[in-house]
Each structure stands twice: as structure tokens, then as C-alpha cells.
Amino acid sequence: MNNRAIGTVYEIKAAEELIKLGYTIIEKNFYCKGGEIDIIAKDGEYLCFIEVKYRTDNSDGDPLEAVDTRKIKRICKSAVFYMTRYGYPDDTPVRFDVVSILGEEIMVIKNAFDYI
């Protein structure tokens, strides 16, 4: 399997985990000129922009290490574009989460950019 196909498999697993936790999936793989958002969902009152990172093991580092400052900026710009395109008001509660998958262990980090 190529990297894109592998990514798709784990994005599906991430979405299934988010649904179990009560999220409502709005969109997957939102693309715009500025970048991509893996999953967009609602969690209660929050509009959540979710990055999914997968590693088979930690030999290449923790999945969270792949969400660097450059990636965070691209996700934030893409989120602003999404909200503008679909008419979300400026006061919409927004959160940036990361689903980290290491092997078969799935961890959802809410407000992830506050910790990275």
C-alpha cells in the first residue's frame, strides 16, 4: 500500500474513534490552496479541525512530533478558509485536535495545539 492509501485507512479508524467519543463528522480531507484538514467535526458546541498522524512504531518518533509549527500554521489558515467559505460566524467556538495513532493505540488530544 502507498502512503496515501495507508493514510486513508488510519483516517477512517480515527473517524470511527471520534464518533465513539461523540463527535459528529462533517467532512474528511478538506483541501484548499493553503493545505488540507484531515477531519472536520462537531464536538458539542465546538467546530473541530482534526489532524490525524499515524506511525507503526516510535522508531521514527511519536506521531505528535510530526505536527510542527509549519503544519499548525497551514491547518489554521485552512480552517479560516473553511469557515469563510461555509459562512461560520467569527464567534464560532473552534478547537484544533489531533488523533495520534501509534501501532494500534489511538489517542485523541483535544486542544492539541496548546500542548505542541
N, C-alpha and C. Protein backbone atom coordinates (compact mmCIF):
# COMPACT_ATOMS: atom_id res chain seq x y z
N MET A 1 0.85 -1.19 0.00
CA MET A 1 0.00 0.00 0.00
C MET A 1 0.89 1.24 0.00
N ASN A 2 0.50 2.26 -0.77
CA ASN A 2 1.25 3.51 -0.75
C ASN A 2 0.86 4.34 0.46
N ASN A 3 1.61 5.42 0.71
CA ASN A 3 1.38 6.23 1.90
C ASN A 3 -0.02 6.84 1.94
N ARG A 4 -0.54 7.26 0.79
CA ARG A 4 -1.87 7.86 0.76
C ARG A 4 -2.94 6.84 1.15
N ALA A 5 -2.80 5.62 0.64
CA ALA A 5 -3.76 4.56 0.97
C ALA A 5 -3.69 4.21 2.45
N ILE A 6 -2.49 4.14 2.98
CA ILE A 6 -2.30 3.87 4.41
C ILE A 6 -2.93 5.00 5.23
N GLY A 7 -2.68 6.24 4.80
CA GLY A 7 -3.27 7.39 5.49
C GLY A 7 -4.79 7.32 5.52
N THR A 8 -5.37 6.93 4.41
CA THR A 8 -6.83 6.82 4.33
C THR A 8 -7.37 5.79 5.31
N VAL A 9 -6.69 4.64 5.41
CA VAL A 9 -7.12 3.59 6.34
C VAL A 9 -7.13 4.13 7.77
N TYR A 10 -6.08 4.85 8.15
CA TYR A 10 -5.99 5.33 9.53
C TYR A 10 -6.86 6.56 9.77
N GLU A 11 -7.16 7.33 8.74
CA GLU A 11 -8.12 8.42 8.90
C GLU A 11 -9.52 7.85 9.15
N ILE A 12 -9.85 6.72 8.52
CA ILE A 12 -11.12 6.05 8.78
C ILE A 12 -11.17 5.55 10.22
N LYS A 13 -10.08 4.94 10.68
CA LYS A 13 -10.03 4.48 12.08
C LYS A 13 -10.17 5.66 13.04
N ALA A 14 -9.52 6.77 12.72
CA ALA A 14 -9.61 7.96 13.57
C ALA A 14 -11.04 8.46 13.62
N ALA A 15 -11.71 8.52 12.46
CA ALA A 15 -13.10 8.97 12.42
C ALA A 15 -14.00 8.06 13.24
N GLU A 16 -13.78 6.76 13.15
CA GLU A 16 -14.58 5.81 13.94
C GLU A 16 -14.39 6.07 15.43
N GLU A 17 -13.16 6.33 15.85
CA GLU A 17 -12.87 6.62 17.26
C GLU A 17 -13.55 7.92 17.69
N LEU A 18 -13.49 8.93 16.84
CA LEU A 18 -14.12 10.21 17.17
C LEU A 18 -15.63 10.05 17.31
N ILE A 19 -16.24 9.27 16.44
CA ILE A 19 -17.68 9.02 16.52
C ILE A 19 -18.03 8.33 17.84
N LYS A 20 -17.19 7.36 18.25
CA LYS A 20 -17.41 6.68 19.54
C LYS A 20 -17.38 7.69 20.70
N LEU A 21 -16.56 8.73 20.55
CA LEU A 21 -16.42 9.74 21.61
C LEU A 21 -17.48 10.83 21.52
N GLY A 22 -18.39 10.71 20.55
CA GLY A 22 -19.48 11.66 20.46
C GLY A 22 -19.33 12.76 19.43
N TYR A 23 -18.26 12.76 18.68
CA TYR A 23 -18.08 13.75 17.62
C TYR A 23 -19.05 13.44 16.47
N THR A 24 -19.42 14.46 15.74
CA THR A 24 -20.19 14.31 14.50
C THR A 24 -19.27 14.74 13.36
N ILE A 25 -18.98 13.83 12.46
CA ILE A 25 -18.09 14.13 11.34
C ILE A 25 -18.83 14.98 10.32
N ILE A 26 -18.24 16.09 9.94
CA ILE A 26 -18.81 16.97 8.93
C ILE A 26 -18.17 16.72 7.57
N GLU A 27 -16.85 16.59 7.58
CA GLU A 27 -16.13 16.44 6.32
C GLU A 27 -14.78 15.77 6.57
N LYS A 28 -14.33 15.03 5.56
CA LYS A 28 -13.00 14.42 5.61
C LYS A 28 -12.19 14.95 4.44
N ASN A 29 -10.90 15.12 4.66
CA ASN A 29 -9.97 15.53 3.62
C ASN A 29 -10.40 16.80 2.90
N PHE A 30 -10.55 17.86 3.67
CA PHE A 30 -10.86 19.17 3.09
C PHE A 30 -9.58 19.77 2.54
N TYR A 31 -9.59 20.04 1.25
CA TYR A 31 -8.42 20.62 0.58
C TYR A 31 -8.71 22.05 0.16
N CYS A 32 -7.71 22.89 0.31
CA CYS A 32 -7.75 24.25 -0.24
C CYS A 32 -6.32 24.62 -0.62
N LYS A 33 -6.16 25.77 -1.21
CA LYS A 33 -4.83 26.19 -1.68
C LYS A 33 -3.79 26.16 -0.55
N GLY A 34 -4.22 26.51 0.66
CA GLY A 34 -3.30 26.60 1.78
C GLY A 34 -2.94 25.28 2.44
N GLY A 35 -3.68 24.22 2.16
CA GLY A 35 -3.37 22.96 2.80
C GLY A 35 -4.57 22.02 2.87
N GLU A 36 -4.50 21.09 3.81
CA GLU A 36 -5.54 20.08 3.97
C GLU A 36 -5.86 19.92 5.45
N ILE A 37 -7.13 19.64 5.70
CA ILE A 37 -7.55 19.27 7.05
C ILE A 37 -8.11 17.86 6.94
N ASP A 38 -7.57 16.95 7.76
CA ASP A 38 -7.96 15.54 7.66
C ASP A 38 -9.43 15.32 7.98
N ILE A 39 -9.88 15.87 9.11
CA ILE A 39 -11.27 15.67 9.53
C ILE A 39 -11.79 16.98 10.12
N ILE A 40 -13.01 17.32 9.76
CA ILE A 40 -13.71 18.45 10.37
C ILE A 40 -14.95 17.85 11.03
N ALA A 41 -15.15 18.21 12.30
CA ALA A 41 -16.24 17.58 13.06
C ALA A 41 -16.80 18.57 14.07
N LYS A 42 -17.94 18.21 14.62
CA LYS A 42 -18.53 18.95 15.74
C LYS A 42 -18.38 18.09 16.99
N ASP A 43 -18.00 18.74 18.07
CA ASP A 43 -17.95 18.10 19.38
C ASP A 43 -18.65 19.05 20.34
N GLY A 44 -19.90 18.76 20.62
CA GLY A 44 -20.70 19.70 21.41
C GLY A 44 -20.83 21.00 20.62
N GLU A 45 -20.47 22.11 21.27
CA GLU A 45 -20.57 23.41 20.61
C GLU A 45 -19.37 23.72 19.71
N TYR A 46 -18.32 22.90 19.79
CA TYR A 46 -17.08 23.19 19.07
C TYR A 46 -17.06 22.67 17.64
N LEU A 47 -16.55 23.51 16.76
CA LEU A 47 -16.19 23.10 15.42
C LEU A 47 -14.72 22.68 15.52
N CYS A 48 -14.45 21.42 15.23
CA CYS A 48 -13.12 20.86 15.45
C CYS A 48 -12.42 20.57 14.12
N PHE A 49 -11.20 21.04 14.04
CA PHE A 49 -10.34 20.76 12.90
C PHE A 49 -9.31 19.75 13.41
N ILE A 50 -9.29 18.58 12.78
CA ILE A 50 -8.56 17.45 13.36
C ILE A 50 -7.50 16.94 12.41
N GLU A 51 -6.29 16.86 12.91
CA GLU A 51 -5.15 16.29 12.18
C GLU A 51 -4.97 14.85 12.65
N VAL A 52 -4.75 13.94 11.72
CA VAL A 52 -4.53 12.53 12.05
C VAL A 52 -3.08 12.19 11.73
N LYS A 53 -2.38 11.64 12.70
CA LYS A 53 -0.98 11.23 12.50
C LYS A 53 -0.82 9.78 12.92
N TYR A 54 -0.21 8.99 12.04
CA TYR A 54 -0.03 7.56 12.28
C TYR A 54 1.44 7.19 12.15
N ARG A 55 1.87 6.30 13.02
CA ARG A 55 3.19 5.67 12.94
C ARG A 55 3.02 4.20 13.33
N THR A 56 3.73 3.30 12.64
CA THR A 56 3.65 1.88 13.00
C THR A 56 4.29 1.65 14.37
N ASP A 57 5.37 2.36 14.63
CA ASP A 57 6.04 2.30 15.93
C ASP A 57 6.73 3.65 16.13
N ASN A 58 7.43 3.79 17.25
CA ASN A 58 8.05 5.09 17.52
C ASN A 58 9.49 5.20 17.04
N SER A 59 9.92 4.31 16.15
CA SER A 59 11.29 4.39 15.62
C SER A 59 11.50 5.67 14.82
N ASP A 60 10.43 6.21 14.23
CA ASP A 60 10.50 7.48 13.51
C ASP A 60 9.99 8.63 14.36
N GLY A 61 9.84 8.40 15.65
CA GLY A 61 9.34 9.42 16.56
C GLY A 61 7.86 9.25 16.82
N ASP A 62 7.40 9.97 17.81
CA ASP A 62 5.99 9.97 18.18
C ASP A 62 5.19 10.66 17.08
N PRO A 63 3.98 10.18 16.80
CA PRO A 63 3.17 10.83 15.77
C PRO A 63 2.96 12.34 16.01
N LEU A 64 2.86 12.72 17.28
CA LEU A 64 2.65 14.14 17.59
C LEU A 64 3.82 15.02 17.16
N GLU A 65 5.01 14.44 17.10
CA GLU A 65 6.18 15.21 16.69
C GLU A 65 6.08 15.67 15.24
N ALA A 66 5.23 15.01 14.46
CA ALA A 66 5.05 15.38 13.05
C ALA A 66 4.16 16.62 12.89
N VAL A 67 3.52 17.04 13.96
CA VAL A 67 2.68 18.24 13.91
C VAL A 67 3.53 19.40 14.43
N ASP A 68 4.30 19.95 13.50
CA ASP A 68 5.22 21.03 13.86
C ASP A 68 4.58 22.40 13.62
N THR A 69 5.34 23.45 13.89
CA THR A 69 4.82 24.82 13.77
C THR A 69 4.34 25.11 12.36
N ARG A 70 5.08 24.66 11.36
CA ARG A 70 4.68 24.88 9.97
C ARG A 70 3.33 24.22 9.67
N LYS A 71 3.16 22.99 10.15
CA LYS A 71 1.92 22.24 9.93
C LYS A 71 0.76 22.94 10.65
N ILE A 72 0.99 23.39 11.86
CA ILE A 72 -0.04 24.09 12.64
C ILE A 72 -0.50 25.35 11.89
N LYS A 73 0.43 26.12 11.35
CA LYS A 73 0.07 27.33 10.61
C LYS A 73 -0.78 27.00 9.38
N ARG A 74 -0.42 25.94 8.67
CA ARG A 74 -1.19 25.54 7.49
C ARG A 74 -2.61 25.10 7.87
N ILE A 75 -2.72 24.35 8.94
CA ILE A 75 -4.04 23.90 9.39
C ILE A 75 -4.89 25.10 9.80
N CYS A 76 -4.31 26.04 10.53
CA CYS A 76 -5.05 27.22 10.97
C CYS A 76 -5.52 28.06 9.78
N LYS A 77 -4.66 28.25 8.79
CA LYS A 77 -5.05 29.01 7.60
C LYS A 77 -6.16 28.28 6.85
N SER A 78 -6.05 26.98 6.75
CA SER A 78 -7.09 26.18 6.07
C SER A 78 -8.40 26.26 6.84
N ALA A 79 -8.33 26.28 8.16
CA ALA A 79 -9.54 26.38 8.99
C ALA A 79 -10.24 27.72 8.76
N VAL A 80 -9.48 28.79 8.70
CA VAL A 80 -10.07 30.11 8.43
C VAL A 80 -10.73 30.12 7.06
N PHE A 81 -10.07 29.54 6.08
CA PHE A 81 -10.64 29.46 4.73
C PHE A 81 -11.95 28.67 4.76
N TYR A 82 -11.95 27.53 5.44
CA TYR A 82 -13.15 26.69 5.54
C TYR A 82 -14.30 27.47 6.17
N MET A 83 -14.02 28.14 7.27
CA MET A 83 -15.06 28.87 7.98
C MET A 83 -15.62 30.02 7.13
N THR A 84 -14.74 30.67 6.38
CA THR A 84 -15.18 31.75 5.50
C THR A 84 -16.02 31.20 4.36
N ARG A 85 -15.55 30.13 3.75
CA ARG A 85 -16.26 29.53 2.61
C ARG A 85 -17.67 29.10 3.00
N TYR A 86 -17.83 28.53 4.19
CA TYR A 86 -19.12 27.99 4.59
C TYR A 86 -19.90 28.90 5.54
N GLY A 87 -19.44 30.13 5.71
CA GLY A 87 -20.21 31.15 6.41
C GLY A 87 -20.32 30.99 7.92
N TYR A 88 -19.33 30.38 8.55
CA TYR A 88 -19.35 30.29 10.01
C TYR A 88 -19.05 31.66 10.59
N PRO A 89 -19.80 32.08 11.60
CA PRO A 89 -19.53 33.38 12.22
C PRO A 89 -18.19 33.39 12.96
N ASP A 90 -17.62 34.58 13.13
CA ASP A 90 -16.32 34.73 13.79
C ASP A 90 -16.33 34.23 15.23
N ASP A 91 -17.49 34.23 15.86
CA ASP A 91 -17.53 33.81 17.27
C ASP A 91 -17.83 32.32 17.44
N THR A 92 -17.72 31.56 16.35
CA THR A 92 -17.91 30.11 16.44
C THR A 92 -16.82 29.51 17.32
N PRO A 93 -17.19 28.72 18.34
CA PRO A 93 -16.15 28.07 19.15
C PRO A 93 -15.39 27.04 18.30
N VAL A 94 -14.09 27.19 18.25
CA VAL A 94 -13.24 26.35 17.41
C VAL A 94 -12.20 25.66 18.27
N ARG A 95 -11.87 24.44 17.86
CA ARG A 95 -10.83 23.70 18.57
C ARG A 95 -10.00 22.93 17.54
N PHE A 96 -8.73 22.77 17.84
CA PHE A 96 -7.82 22.00 17.00
C PHE A 96 -7.39 20.76 17.77
N ASP A 97 -7.78 19.60 17.26
CA ASP A 97 -7.48 18.33 17.92
C ASP A 97 -6.54 17.53 17.03
N VAL A 98 -5.85 16.58 17.65
CA VAL A 98 -5.00 15.65 16.91
C VAL A 98 -5.37 14.24 17.34
N VAL A 99 -5.50 13.36 16.36
CA VAL A 99 -5.64 11.94 16.64
C VAL A 99 -4.29 11.31 16.35
N SER A 100 -3.67 10.81 17.39
CA SER A 100 -2.37 10.17 17.29
C SER A 100 -2.57 8.66 17.31
N ILE A 101 -2.05 8.00 16.27
CA ILE A 101 -2.18 6.53 16.21
C ILE A 101 -0.77 5.96 16.15
N LEU A 102 -0.43 5.22 17.18
CA LEU A 102 0.89 4.56 17.28
C LEU A 102 0.63 3.07 17.33
N GLY A 103 0.94 2.38 16.23
CA GLY A 103 0.58 0.97 16.12
C GLY A 103 -0.93 0.86 16.08
N GLU A 104 -1.50 0.22 17.07
CA GLU A 104 -2.96 0.11 17.15
C GLU A 104 -3.55 0.99 18.27
N GLU A 105 -2.69 1.74 18.96
CA GLU A 105 -3.14 2.61 20.04
C GLU A 105 -3.58 3.96 19.48
N ILE A 106 -4.84 4.33 19.77
CA ILE A 106 -5.40 5.58 19.28
C ILE A 106 -5.60 6.51 20.47
N MET A 107 -5.09 7.74 20.31
CA MET A 107 -5.23 8.74 21.36
C MET A 107 -5.76 10.04 20.73
N VAL A 108 -6.82 10.59 21.31
CA VAL A 108 -7.39 11.84 20.84
C VAL A 108 -6.95 12.94 21.80
N ILE A 109 -6.28 13.94 21.25
CA ILE A 109 -5.81 15.07 22.07
C ILE A 109 -6.63 16.29 21.70
N LYS A 110 -7.46 16.73 22.63
CA LYS A 110 -8.26 17.94 22.41
C LYS A 110 -7.40 19.15 22.68
N ASN A 111 -7.67 20.24 21.94
CA ASN A 111 -6.86 21.46 22.07
C ASN A 111 -5.37 21.15 21.92
N ALA A 112 -5.05 20.29 20.99
CA ALA A 112 -3.69 19.78 20.85
C ALA A 112 -2.65 20.87 20.62
N PHE A 113 -3.02 21.93 19.93
CA PHE A 113 -2.02 22.94 19.60
C PHE A 113 -1.56 23.69 20.84
N ASP A 114 -2.34 23.60 21.93
CA ASP A 114 -1.92 24.20 23.18
C ASP A 114 -0.78 23.40 23.83
N TYR A 115 -0.62 22.14 23.42
CA TYR A 115 0.36 21.26 24.05
C TYR A 115 1.57 20.98 23.18
N ILE A 116 1.48 21.34 21.90
CA ILE A 116 2.57 21.02 20.97
C ILE A 116 3.54 22.18 20.91
